[in-house]
C-alpha atoms as a PDB file:
ATOM      1  CA  UNK A   1     -32.922  85.096 -41.558  1.00  0.00           C
ATOM      2  CA  UNK A   2     -31.647  86.492 -38.432  1.00  0.00           C
ATOM      3  CA  UNK A   3     -34.983  86.030 -36.781  1.00  0.00           C
ATOM      4  CA  UNK A   4     -34.931  82.335 -37.706  1.00  0.00           C
ATOM      5  CA  UNK A   5     -31.549  81.889 -36.009  1.00  0.00           C
ATOM      6  CA  UNK A   6     -32.799  83.585 -32.883  1.00  0.00           C
ATOM      7  CA  UNK A   7     -35.895  81.363 -32.772  1.00  0.00           C
ATOM      8  CA  UNK A   8     -33.724  78.277 -33.309  1.00  0.00           C
ATOM      9  CA  UNK A   9     -31.404  79.251 -30.418  1.00  0.00           C
ATOM     10  CA  UNK A  10     -34.393  79.884 -28.136  1.00  0.00           C
ATOM     11  CA  UNK A  11     -35.797  76.466 -28.981  1.00  0.00           C
ATOM     12  CA  UNK A  12     -32.440  74.834 -28.201  1.00  0.00           C
ATOM     13  CA  UNK A  13     -32.180  76.596 -24.853  1.00  0.00           C
ATOM     14  CA  UNK A  14     -35.707  75.584 -23.981  1.00  0.00           C
ATOM     15  CA  UNK A  15     -35.023  71.886 -24.777  1.00  0.00           C
ATOM     16  CA  UNK A  16     -31.407  71.684 -23.527  1.00  0.00           C
ATOM     17  CA  UNK A  17     -32.258  69.407 -20.541  1.00  0.00           C
ATOM     18  CA  UNK A  18     -34.174  67.038 -22.784  1.00  0.00           C
ATOM     19  CA  UNK A  19     -31.331  66.986 -25.312  1.00  0.00           C
ATOM     20  CA  UNK A  20     -28.726  66.258 -22.587  1.00  0.00           C
ATOM     21  CA  UNK A  21     -30.846  63.354 -21.255  1.00  0.00           C
ATOM     22  CA  UNK A  22     -31.152  61.913 -24.753  1.00  0.00           C
ATOM     23  CA  UNK A  23     -27.397  62.145 -25.331  1.00  0.00           C
ATOM     24  CA  UNK A  24     -26.634  60.482 -21.971  1.00  0.00           C
ATOM     25  CA  UNK A  25     -29.135  57.692 -22.694  1.00  0.00           C
ATOM     26  CA  UNK A  26     -27.705  57.079 -26.134  1.00  0.00           C
ATOM     27  CA  UNK A  27     -24.144  57.056 -24.714  1.00  0.00           C
ATOM     28  CA  UNK A  28     -25.167  54.480 -22.083  1.00  0.00           C
ATOM     29  CA  UNK A  29     -26.878  52.277 -24.693  1.00  0.00           C
ATOM     30  CA  UNK A  30     -23.911  52.454 -27.059  1.00  0.00           C
ATOM     31  CA  UNK A  31     -21.418  51.715 -24.272  1.00  0.00           C
ATOM     32  CA  UNK A  32     -23.494  48.766 -23.042  1.00  0.00           C
ATOM     33  CA  UNK A  33     -23.773  47.318 -26.551  1.00  0.00           C
ATOM     34  CA  UNK A  34     -20.032  47.677 -27.114  1.00  0.00           C
ATOM     35  CA  UNK A  35     -19.235  45.931 -23.803  1.00  0.00           C
ATOM     36  CA  UNK A  36     -21.639  43.063 -24.594  1.00  0.00           C
ATOM     37  CA  UNK A  37     -20.107  42.706 -28.063  1.00  0.00           C
ATOM     38  CA  UNK A  38     -16.564  42.724 -26.656  1.00  0.00           C
ATOM     39  CA  UNK A  39     -17.439  40.076 -24.031  1.00  0.00           C
ATOM     40  CA  UNK A  40     -19.065  37.932 -26.725  1.00  0.00           C
ATOM     41  CA  UNK A  41     -15.994  38.171 -28.980  1.00  0.00           C
ATOM     42  CA  UNK A  42     -13.583  37.353 -26.148  1.00  0.00           C
ATOM     43  CA  UNK A  43     -15.774  34.444 -24.997  1.00  0.00           C
ATOM     44  CA  UNK A  44     -16.027  33.044 -28.517  1.00  0.00           C
ATOM     45  CA  UNK A  45     -12.268  33.319 -29.056  1.00  0.00           C
ATOM     46  CA  UNK A  46     -11.571  31.653 -25.707  1.00  0.00           C
ATOM     47  CA  UNK A  47     -13.988  28.808 -26.366  1.00  0.00           C
ATOM     48  CA  UNK A  48     -12.643  28.245 -29.880  1.00  0.00           C
ATOM     49  CA  UNK A  49      -9.056  28.293 -28.650  1.00  0.00           C
ATOM     50  CA  UNK A  50      -9.792  25.855 -25.825  1.00  0.00           C
ATOM     51  CA  UNK A  51     -11.700  23.550 -28.164  1.00  0.00           C
ATOM     52  CA  UNK A  52      -8.846  23.528 -30.678  1.00  0.00           C
ATOM     53  CA  UNK A  53      -6.377  22.900 -27.819  1.00  0.00           C
ATOM     54  CA  UNK A  54      -8.365  19.861 -26.678  1.00  0.00           C
ATOM     55  CA  UNK A  55      -8.602  18.577 -30.244  1.00  0.00           C
ATOM     56  CA  UNK A  56      -4.861  18.994 -30.768  1.00  0.00           C
ATOM     57  CA  UNK A  57      -4.139  17.328 -27.436  1.00  0.00           C
ATOM     58  CA  UNK A  58      -6.391  14.369 -28.259  1.00  0.00           C
ATOM     59  CA  UNK A  59      -4.851  13.923 -31.710  1.00  0.00           C
ATOM     60  CA  UNK A  60      -1.241  14.395 -30.598  1.00  0.00           C
ATOM     61  CA  UNK A  61       0.931  11.333 -31.082  1.00  0.00           C
ATOM     62  CA  UNK A  62       1.846   9.687 -27.836  1.00  0.00           C
ATOM     63  CA  UNK A  63       5.236   8.180 -27.301  1.00  0.00           C
ATOM     64  CA  UNK A  64       5.097   4.706 -25.860  1.00  0.00           C
ATOM     65  CA  UNK A  65       7.960   2.580 -24.699  1.00  0.00           C
ATOM     66  CA  UNK A  66       7.432  -1.174 -24.545  1.00  0.00           C
ATOM     67  CA  UNK A  67       8.548  -2.754 -21.293  1.00  0.00           C
ATOM     68  CA  UNK A  68       9.171  -6.444 -20.831  1.00  0.00           C
ATOM     69  CA  UNK A  69       7.978  -7.336 -17.335  1.00  0.00           C
ATOM     70  CA  UNK A  70       8.278 -11.090 -17.690  1.00  0.00           C
ATOM     71  CA  UNK A  71      11.431 -11.191 -15.522  1.00  0.00           C
ATOM     72  CA  UNK A  72       9.707  -9.304 -12.705  1.00  0.00           C
ATOM     73  CA  UNK A  73       6.670 -11.579 -12.979  1.00  0.00           C
ATOM     74  CA  UNK A  74       8.876 -14.671 -12.789  1.00  0.00           C
ATOM     75  CA  UNK A  75      10.731 -13.245  -9.776  1.00  0.00           C
ATOM     76  CA  UNK A  76       7.506 -12.415  -7.934  1.00  0.00           C
ATOM     77  CA  UNK A  77       6.086 -15.847  -8.726  1.00  0.00           C
ATOM     78  CA  UNK A  78       9.252 -17.460  -7.356  1.00  0.00           C
ATOM     79  CA  UNK A  79       8.898 -15.423  -4.154  1.00  0.00           C
ATOM     80  CA  UNK A  80       5.317 -16.562  -3.715  1.00  0.00           C
ATOM     81  CA  UNK A  81       6.320 -20.165  -4.425  1.00  0.00           C
ATOM     82  CA  UNK A  82       9.190 -19.803  -1.929  1.00  0.00           C
ATOM     83  CA  UNK A  83       6.791 -18.549   0.746  1.00  0.00           C
ATOM     84  CA  UNK A  84       4.558 -21.569   0.216  1.00  0.00           C
ATOM     85  CA  UNK A  85       7.537 -23.949   0.474  1.00  0.00           C
ATOM     86  CA  UNK A  86       8.780 -22.217   3.663  1.00  0.00           C
ATOM     87  CA  UNK A  87       5.353 -22.497   5.232  1.00  0.00           C
ATOM     88  CA  UNK A  88       5.389 -26.233   4.588  1.00  0.00           C
ATOM     89  CA  UNK A  89       8.897 -26.786   5.920  1.00  0.00           C
ATOM     90  CA  UNK A  90      10.056 -26.539   9.502  1.00  0.00           C
ATOM     91  CA  UNK A  91      10.840 -23.007  10.629  1.00  0.00           C
ATOM     92  CA  UNK A  92      14.153 -22.289  12.314  1.00  0.00           C
ATOM     93  CA  UNK A  93      14.827 -19.174  14.321  1.00  0.00           C
ATOM     94  CA  UNK A  94      18.276 -17.619  14.504  1.00  0.00           C
ATOM     95  CA  UNK A  95      18.959 -15.235  17.353  1.00  0.00           C
ATOM     96  CA  UNK A  96      21.472 -12.399  17.109  1.00  0.00           C
ATOM     97  CA  UNK A  97      23.135 -10.362  19.825  1.00  0.00           C
ATOM     98  CA  UNK A  98      23.585  -6.574  19.776  1.00  0.00           C
ATOM     99  CA  UNK A  99      26.782  -6.832  17.683  1.00  0.00           C
ATOM    100  CA  UNK A 100      25.090  -8.968  15.011  1.00  0.00           C
ATOM    101  CA  UNK A 101      26.768 -12.227  16.032  1.00  0.00           C
ATOM    102  CA  UNK A 102      24.734 -15.415  15.941  1.00  0.00           C
ATOM    103  CA  UNK A 103      23.764 -16.685  19.371  1.00  0.00           C
ATOM    104  CA  UNK A 104      23.983 -20.454  19.602  1.00  0.00           C
ATOM    105  CA  UNK A 105      20.935 -22.302  20.809  1.00  0.00           C
ATOM    106  CA  UNK A 106      21.734 -23.609  24.285  1.00  0.00           C
ATOM    107  CA  UNK A 107      18.455 -25.410  24.659  1.00  0.00           C
ATOM    108  CA  UNK A 108      17.344 -23.041  27.405  1.00  0.00           C
ATOM    109  CA  UNK A 109      13.703 -22.124  27.487  1.00  0.00           C
ATOM    110  CA  UNK A 110      12.810 -18.708  26.167  1.00  0.00           C
ATOM    111  CA  UNK A 111      10.276 -16.344  27.619  1.00  0.00           C
ATOM    112  CA  UNK A 112       6.901 -16.513  25.916  1.00  0.00           C
ATOM    113  CA  UNK A 113       4.145 -13.947  25.942  1.00  0.00           C
ATOM    114  CA  UNK A 114       0.739 -15.091  27.056  1.00  0.00           C
ATOM    115  CA  UNK A 115      -1.466 -15.913  24.115  1.00  0.00           C
ATOM    116  CA  UNK A 116       1.401 -16.509  21.651  1.00  0.00           C
ATOM    117  CA  UNK A 117       0.224 -20.064  21.042  1.00  0.00           C
ATOM    118  CA  UNK A 118      -3.202 -18.777  20.026  1.00  0.00           C
ATOM    119  CA  UNK A 119      -1.883 -16.296  17.468  1.00  0.00           C
ATOM    120  CA  UNK A 120      -3.341 -17.295  14.111  1.00  0.00           C
ATOM    121  CA  UNK A 121      -2.167 -14.570  11.729  1.00  0.00           C
ATOM    122  CA  UNK A 122       0.498 -11.955  11.302  1.00  0.00           C
ATOM    123  CA  UNK A 123      -1.969  -9.193  12.206  1.00  0.00           C
ATOM    124  CA  UNK A 124      -2.758 -10.860  15.510  1.00  0.00           C
ATOM    125  CA  UNK A 125       0.949 -11.387  16.214  1.00  0.00           C
ATOM    126  CA  UNK A 126       1.646  -7.749  15.444  1.00  0.00           C
ATOM    127  CA  UNK A 127      -1.138  -6.645  17.778  1.00  0.00           C
ATOM    128  CA  UNK A 128       0.250  -8.868  20.580  1.00  0.00           C
ATOM    129  CA  UNK A 129       3.743  -7.442  20.072  1.00  0.00           C
ATOM    130  CA  UNK A 130       2.389  -3.869  20.005  1.00  0.00           C
ATOM    131  CA  UNK A 131       0.417  -4.475  23.200  1.00  0.00           C
ATOM    132  CA  UNK A 132       3.533  -5.853  24.926  1.00  0.00           C
ATOM    133  CA  UNK A 133       5.593  -2.894  23.770  1.00  0.00           C
ATOM    134  CA  UNK A 134       2.978  -0.462  25.066  1.00  0.00           C
ATOM    135  CA  UNK A 135       2.861  -2.295  28.375  1.00  0.00           C
ATOM    136  CA  UNK A 136       6.672  -2.197  28.694  1.00  0.00           C
ATOM    137  CA  UNK A 137       6.718   1.509  27.831  1.00  0.00           C
ATOM    138  CA  UNK A 138       4.082   2.194  30.485  1.00  0.00           C
ATOM    139  CA  UNK A 139       6.122   0.282  33.072  1.00  0.00           C
ATOM    140  CA  UNK A 140       9.274   2.210  32.158  1.00  0.00           C
ATOM    141  CA  UNK A 141       7.389   5.488  32.437  1.00  0.00           C
ATOM    142  CA  UNK A 142       6.054   4.668  35.890  1.00  0.00           C
ATOM    143  CA  UNK A 143       9.504   3.496  37.023  1.00  0.00           C
ATOM    144  CA  UNK A 144      11.038   6.702  35.655  1.00  0.00           C
ATOM    145  CA  UNK A 145       8.451   8.801  37.488  1.00  0.00           C
ATOM    146  CA  UNK A 146       9.159   6.963  40.760  1.00  0.00           C
ATOM    147  CA  UNK A 147      12.910   7.504  40.474  1.00  0.00           C
ATOM    148  CA  UNK A 148      12.398  11.193  39.660  1.00  0.00           C
ATOM    149  CA  UNK A 149      10.229  11.525  42.769  1.00  0.00           C
ATOM    150  CA  UNK A 150      12.943   9.901  44.904  1.00  0.00           C
ATOM    151  CA  UNK A 151      15.607  12.193  43.404  1.00  0.00           C
ATOM    152  CA  UNK A 152      13.430  15.248  44.074  1.00  0.00           C
ATOM    153  CA  UNK A 153      12.979  14.183  47.697  1.00  0.00           C
ATOM    154  CA  UNK A 154      16.716  13.674  48.205  1.00  0.00           C
ATOM    155  CA  UNK A 155      17.489  17.073  46.706  1.00  0.00           C
ATOM    156  CA  UNK A 156      14.887  18.743  48.927  1.00  0.00           C
ATOM    157  CA  UNK A 157      16.530  17.288  52.045  1.00  0.00           C
END
């Protein structure tokens, strides 16, 4: 029997590299299969949980509060009707001073901007006013630059 043990040990030593390769390969295969299985289980659980969440969310009772908007509708309709009536009637303009007091109409002519008579809509009027404001700002800027130049010259002297 002793000879059989010796032969067995020799055979193991001779095939040790092959045995180690087989063990490593089997360890890699087992590890890979376990990882794939774990990913599949986690993915299935996640999908099932998300699907049940969506189902519960879709079937959840929703609280609704009825709102009566008839008063707002009537108010808005009266505003629109009021705008139509004002457009038909004669428009009066009230001028205010810096303190908020009403300035009485003295009958004096007021300054008009060129093209005001041709303004057909609010958008056009707004563009005319914006253009005038830009023009006035440009004039003020050039006047300010001229006065700064004069002040710089007087300081240099």
